[in-house]
Amino acid sequence: MSNNIKLYLGDCKTELSKLSDNSVDLIFTSPPYADQRKNNYGGVNPDKYVEWFLPITQELFRVLKKDGTFILNIKEKVVNGERSTYVIELILEMKKQGWLWTEEFIWHKKNSYPGKWPNRFRDSWERLLQFNKDKKFKMYQDEVMVEVGDWAKNRLKNLSETDKLRDVSKVGSGFGKNISNWVGRNKVYPTNVIHLSTECNNKSHCATFPESLPEWFIKLFTKPEDVVLDPFMGSGTTNIVAHRMGRKTIGIDIMPIYYEMVKKRFDSENYLF
């Protein structure tokens, strides 16, 4: 196995202590949500979730570089007909640890199938919360630019005088826009809503996200040779993608079955440079 790949079997609170301070460029992970994945990870009650997770985020704060980024894929649980507040409570407690809650991305699951409950409909989205240690962090926005899209065909045809100026927002936000800046461009910056299909056919893990999800964030926040950490690696999707993209990668999981599975994936010919 490559020296650029480090896999650890055990509780991440313990295994993270083996990593040096300020040694990781990007943390991308999806921990067990409250009371979910019980058969695999035991489950954590929503009322205990923040207490359980804070020692882990404290260790993650230590190992993340000052200009690094932490992306947390997490979701609330509906309890007795209303959404739990454990995600909000976690954000507030992490801020007390020193984290900056910089951004919130929404993963729109394009292939989510219909469904309803007595008082709600099926979710077709999940949160990806961005945390940083400092307001100045590495971010390579040009790496995730997208095609201009159909909106430009009519919107840019007949520009008004206001469209040619930095028209200041009328709501007092201090931001403005110059529509004429987009004339002739083929690529534009995306929004914070990411439209990706879910992983439907992977039976190797109870909660596998698509490879395109970590890939997008690895492009945005890292360069080749940077270090990408997933402290809840599961089937190893983040680590496999990071390795393919020329990043160093660290994965931790408490379940021997997944640890061995990821090792075999890396040992296979398909995943070596």
Protein backbone atom coordinates (compact mmCIF):
# COMPACT_ATOMS: atom_id res chain seq x y z
CA MET A 1 0.00 0.00 0.00
CA SER A 2 1.20 3.52 -0.79
CA ASN A 3 2.84 5.60 1.93
CA ASN A 4 0.31 8.29 1.04
CA ILE A 5 -2.51 6.13 2.47
CA LYS A 6 -2.97 5.68 6.21
CA LEU A 7 -5.84 3.60 7.57
CA TYR A 8 -6.65 3.17 11.25
CA LEU A 9 -8.98 0.69 12.96
CA GLY A 10 -10.56 1.98 16.15
CA ASP A 11 -12.57 4.73 17.80
CA CYS A 12 -11.68 7.97 16.06
CA LYS A 13 -11.45 9.82 19.39
CA THR A 14 -8.49 7.56 20.17
CA GLU A 15 -7.03 7.16 16.69
CA LEU A 16 -7.02 10.91 15.97
CA SER A 17 -4.55 11.34 18.82
CA LYS A 18 -1.98 9.60 16.60
CA LEU A 19 -2.10 12.48 14.10
CA SER A 20 0.09 15.55 14.42
CA ASP A 21 -1.23 19.03 15.12
CA ASN A 22 -2.04 21.11 12.04
CA SER A 23 -1.39 18.23 9.63
CA VAL A 24 -4.63 17.90 7.62
CA ASP A 25 -5.82 20.11 4.74
CA LEU A 26 -9.39 18.84 4.39
CA ILE A 27 -11.68 16.82 6.63
CA PHE A 28 -14.64 15.40 4.73
CA THR A 29 -16.85 13.02 6.66
CA SER A 30 -20.36 11.77 7.36
CA PRO A 31 -20.68 10.45 10.92
CA PRO A 32 -23.55 8.22 12.02
CA TYR A 33 -26.64 10.39 12.36
CA ALA A 34 -28.59 10.27 15.62
CA ASP A 35 -30.26 6.88 16.22
CA GLN A 36 -29.31 5.69 12.72
CA ARG A 37 -27.00 2.88 11.52
CA LYS A 38 -27.77 1.12 14.84
CA ASN A 39 -26.98 -2.30 13.45
CA ASN A 40 -23.54 -1.13 12.35
CA TYR A 41 -22.45 1.57 14.80
CA GLY A 42 -24.82 1.24 17.74
CA GLY A 43 -26.62 4.54 17.24
CA VAL A 44 -26.48 7.73 19.30
CA ASN A 45 -29.59 9.21 20.93
CA PRO A 46 -30.38 12.75 19.66
CA ASP A 47 -30.26 14.08 23.24
CA LYS A 48 -26.73 12.69 23.64
CA TYR A 49 -25.40 13.41 20.17
CA VAL A 50 -23.69 16.74 20.86
CA GLU A 51 -22.06 15.38 24.01
CA TRP A 52 -20.83 12.36 22.02
CA PHE A 53 -19.49 14.35 19.07
CA LEU A 54 -17.79 17.33 20.72
CA PRO A 55 -14.66 15.43 21.87
CA ILE A 56 -14.22 14.35 18.24
CA THR A 57 -14.59 17.87 16.84
CA GLN A 58 -12.05 19.05 19.41
CA GLU A 59 -9.52 16.57 18.05
CA LEU A 60 -10.40 17.52 14.48
CA PHE A 61 -9.77 21.16 15.34
CA ARG A 62 -6.31 20.20 16.58
CA VAL A 63 -5.27 18.23 13.49
CA LEU A 64 -6.68 20.63 10.88
CA LYS A 65 -4.31 23.20 9.43
CA LYS A 66 -5.05 26.87 10.04
CA ASP A 67 -6.00 27.33 6.38
CA GLY A 68 -7.80 23.97 6.11
CA THR A 69 -11.51 23.15 5.91
CA PHE A 70 -13.86 20.73 7.66
CA ILE A 71 -16.93 19.57 5.70
CA LEU A 72 -19.52 17.77 7.83
CA ASN A 73 -22.32 15.84 6.10
CA ILE A 74 -25.05 15.56 8.72
CA LYS A 75 -28.83 15.45 8.99
CA GLU A 76 -31.47 15.96 11.66
CA LYS A 77 -33.74 13.20 12.91
CA VAL A 78 -37.52 13.58 13.12
CA VAL A 79 -38.63 12.74 16.67
CA ASN A 80 -42.33 12.52 17.56
CA GLY A 81 -43.38 14.42 14.46
CA GLU A 82 -40.90 17.29 14.68
CA ARG A 83 -37.31 17.77 13.65
CA SER A 84 -34.66 17.35 16.31
CA THR A 85 -32.43 20.34 17.05
CA TYR A 86 -29.21 18.41 17.62
CA VAL A 87 -27.53 19.73 14.45
CA ILE A 88 -28.21 23.34 15.46
CA GLU A 89 -27.01 22.63 18.99
CA LEU A 90 -23.86 21.01 17.63
CA ILE A 91 -23.06 24.06 15.49
CA LEU A 92 -23.42 26.38 18.47
CA GLU A 93 -21.20 24.22 20.66
CA MET A 94 -18.56 23.89 17.94
CA LYS A 95 -18.43 27.68 17.69
CA LYS A 96 -17.55 27.71 21.39
CA GLN A 97 -14.65 25.36 20.58
CA GLY A 98 -13.29 27.96 18.18
CA TRP A 99 -14.76 26.75 14.90
CA LEU A 100 -16.03 29.28 12.36
CA TRP A 101 -19.27 28.14 10.69
CA THR A 102 -18.34 29.51 7.28
CA GLU A 103 -20.90 28.07 4.87
CA GLU A 104 -23.70 25.58 4.46
CA PHE A 105 -23.97 23.55 1.26
CA ILE A 106 -27.10 21.65 0.28
CA TRP A 107 -26.79 18.31 -1.48
CA HIS A 108 -29.89 17.92 -3.63
CA LYS A 109 -30.46 14.23 -4.30
CA LYS A 110 -31.65 14.26 -7.89
CA ASN A 111 -32.91 10.67 -7.89
CA SER A 112 -34.77 10.77 -4.57
CA TYR A 113 -38.01 8.83 -4.89
CA PRO A 114 -41.39 10.15 -3.65
CA GLY A 115 -42.80 9.46 -0.22
CA LYS A 116 -44.83 10.99 2.60
CA TRP A 117 -45.67 10.70 6.27
CA PRO A 118 -48.78 12.05 8.03
CA ASN A 119 -47.22 15.49 8.53
CA ARG A 120 -44.29 15.72 6.09
CA PHE A 121 -42.82 14.68 2.74
CA ARG A 122 -39.63 12.80 1.95
CA ASP A 123 -36.36 14.72 2.24
CA SER A 124 -34.44 14.99 -1.02
CA TRP A 125 -31.50 16.92 0.42
CA GLU A 126 -28.77 16.79 3.05
CA ARG A 127 -26.58 19.38 4.69
CA LEU A 128 -22.86 19.75 4.25
CA LEU A 129 -21.65 22.20 6.86
CA GLN A 130 -18.37 24.01 6.30
CA PHE A 131 -16.21 24.87 9.30
CA ASN A 132 -12.85 26.63 9.41
CA LYS A 133 -10.30 27.66 12.02
CA ASP A 134 -9.52 30.98 10.35
CA LYS A 135 -11.31 33.38 8.00
CA LYS A 136 -8.47 32.98 5.52
CA PHE A 137 -8.52 29.43 4.17
CA LYS A 138 -7.51 27.71 0.95
CA MET A 139 -10.29 27.67 -1.64
CA TYR A 140 -9.87 27.00 -5.36
CA GLN A 141 -13.18 28.23 -6.77
CA ASP A 142 -12.16 27.98 -10.43
CA GLU A 143 -11.85 24.20 -10.05
CA VAL A 144 -15.62 23.75 -9.64
CA MET A 145 -16.91 26.19 -12.27
CA VAL A 146 -19.92 25.04 -14.31
CA GLU A 147 -21.41 25.72 -17.72
CA VAL A 148 -23.17 29.10 -17.97
CA GLY A 149 -26.61 27.53 -18.46
CA ASP A 150 -29.77 28.60 -20.25
CA TRP A 151 -30.41 31.63 -18.04
CA ALA A 152 -27.79 33.61 -20.00
CA LYS A 153 -29.45 33.23 -23.41
CA ASN A 154 -32.16 35.81 -22.77
CA ARG A 155 -30.84 37.61 -19.69
CA LEU A 156 -27.68 38.86 -21.42
CA LYS A 157 -29.26 39.88 -24.73
CA ASN A 158 -30.54 43.35 -23.90
CA LEU A 159 -28.67 44.81 -20.95
CA SER A 160 -29.98 47.92 -19.24
CA GLU A 161 -27.69 50.68 -17.99
CA THR A 162 -28.08 49.31 -14.48
CA ASP A 163 -26.91 45.89 -15.69
CA LYS A 164 -23.61 47.49 -16.76
CA LEU A 165 -22.88 48.89 -13.30
CA ARG A 166 -22.20 47.37 -9.91
CA ASP A 167 -25.83 47.60 -8.86
CA VAL A 168 -25.80 47.64 -5.07
CA SER A 169 -28.29 45.35 -3.33
CA LYS A 170 -31.53 47.09 -2.34
CA VAL A 171 -31.76 45.13 0.93
CA GLY A 172 -28.69 46.78 2.42
CA SER A 173 -26.42 43.73 2.36
CA GLY A 174 -23.54 45.70 0.88
CA PHE A 175 -23.22 43.31 -2.05
CA GLY A 176 -23.82 44.21 -5.66
CA LYS A 177 -23.72 42.74 -9.12
CA ASN A 178 -22.65 43.73 -12.62
CA ILE A 179 -24.60 41.54 -15.04
CA SER A 180 -22.45 42.59 -18.01
CA ASN A 181 -19.47 40.78 -16.45
CA TRP A 182 -20.98 37.49 -17.63
CA VAL A 183 -21.23 38.41 -21.33
CA GLY A 184 -19.14 36.03 -23.43
CA ARG A 185 -18.32 33.67 -20.57
CA ASN A 186 -18.66 29.91 -20.96
CA LYS A 187 -18.14 29.07 -17.30
CA VAL A 188 -19.56 30.54 -14.11
CA TYR A 189 -19.27 29.81 -10.40
CA PRO A 190 -21.81 27.36 -8.94
CA THR A 191 -24.25 28.06 -6.15
CA ASN A 192 -24.07 26.34 -2.77
CA VAL A 193 -26.67 23.78 -3.91
CA ILE A 194 -25.03 20.66 -5.33
CA HIS A 195 -27.22 18.50 -7.58
CA LEU A 196 -26.02 14.87 -7.43
CA SER A 197 -27.70 11.49 -7.47
CA THR A 198 -27.46 9.21 -4.46
CA GLU A 199 -25.60 5.89 -4.47
CA CYS A 200 -28.31 3.27 -4.93
CA ASN A 201 -26.58 -0.01 -5.71
CA ASN A 202 -23.68 -0.16 -3.26
CA LYS A 203 -24.44 -2.95 -0.76
CA SER A 204 -21.05 -2.85 0.94
CA HIS A 205 -22.05 -0.21 3.50
CA CYS A 206 -25.27 1.02 5.09
CA ALA A 207 -24.82 4.67 4.06
CA THR A 208 -22.66 5.21 0.99
CA PHE A 209 -22.57 8.61 -0.68
CA PRO A 210 -21.61 9.06 -4.37
CA GLU A 211 -17.96 9.52 -5.27
CA SER A 212 -18.84 12.80 -6.97
CA LEU A 213 -19.73 14.36 -3.60
CA PRO A 214 -16.28 14.23 -1.91
CA GLU A 215 -14.67 14.81 -5.31
CA TRP A 216 -16.38 18.21 -5.60
CA PHE A 217 -15.11 19.35 -2.20
CA ILE A 218 -11.63 17.91 -2.72
CA LYS A 219 -11.37 19.99 -5.90
CA LEU A 220 -12.62 23.09 -4.12
CA PHE A 221 -10.41 22.97 -1.04
CA THR A 222 -7.23 21.01 -1.89
CA LYS A 223 -4.41 20.57 -4.37
CA PRO A 224 -2.41 17.40 -5.18
CA GLU A 225 -0.28 16.17 -2.25
CA ASP A 226 -2.63 17.80 0.29
CA VAL A 227 -3.96 15.56 3.09
CA VAL A 228 -7.63 14.52 3.16
CA LEU A 229 -9.03 12.92 6.33
CA ASP A 230 -12.23 10.94 6.89
CA PRO A 231 -12.56 9.93 10.56
CA PHE A 232 -15.71 7.89 9.78
CA MET A 233 -14.50 6.32 6.54
CA GLY A 234 -17.11 3.55 6.19
CA SER A 235 -16.65 2.06 2.73
CA GLY A 236 -13.76 4.43 2.06
CA THR A 237 -15.34 6.54 -0.67
CA THR A 238 -13.64 9.77 0.43
CA ASN A 239 -10.27 8.08 0.75
CA ILE A 240 -10.47 6.27 -2.58
CA VAL A 241 -11.44 9.45 -4.41
CA ALA A 242 -8.74 11.50 -2.68
CA HIS A 243 -6.10 8.92 -3.64
CA ARG A 244 -7.24 8.89 -7.28
CA MET A 245 -6.95 12.68 -7.32
CA GLY A 246 -3.35 12.60 -6.13
CA ARG A 247 -4.00 13.59 -2.51
CA LYS A 248 -2.65 11.91 0.58
CA THR A 249 -5.42 10.36 2.60
CA ILE A 250 -6.20 9.16 6.12
CA GLY A 251 -9.17 7.00 7.05
CA ILE A 252 -10.47 5.80 10.42
CA ASP A 253 -13.28 3.38 11.19
CA ILE A 254 -14.32 1.49 14.30
CA MET A 255 -15.76 -1.50 12.41
CA PRO A 256 -13.23 -4.21 11.43
CA ILE A 257 -15.38 -5.31 8.48
CA TYR A 258 -15.18 -1.87 6.85
CA TYR A 259 -11.53 -1.36 7.74
CA GLU A 260 -10.61 -4.65 6.05
CA MET A 261 -12.84 -3.87 3.09
CA VAL A 262 -11.17 -0.51 2.45
CA LYS A 263 -7.72 -2.08 2.79
CA LYS A 264 -8.66 -4.61 0.11
CA ARG A 265 -9.98 -1.86 -2.15
CA PHE A 266 -6.68 -0.02 -1.90
CA ASP A 267 -4.68 -3.21 -2.36
CA SER A 268 -6.54 -4.07 -5.55
CA GLU A 269 -4.91 -3.16 -8.83
CA ASN A 270 -7.71 -0.75 -9.72
CA TYR A 271 -6.85 1.68 -6.96
CA LEU A 272 -3.07 1.97 -7.31
CA PHE A 273 -1.30 4.65 -9.34
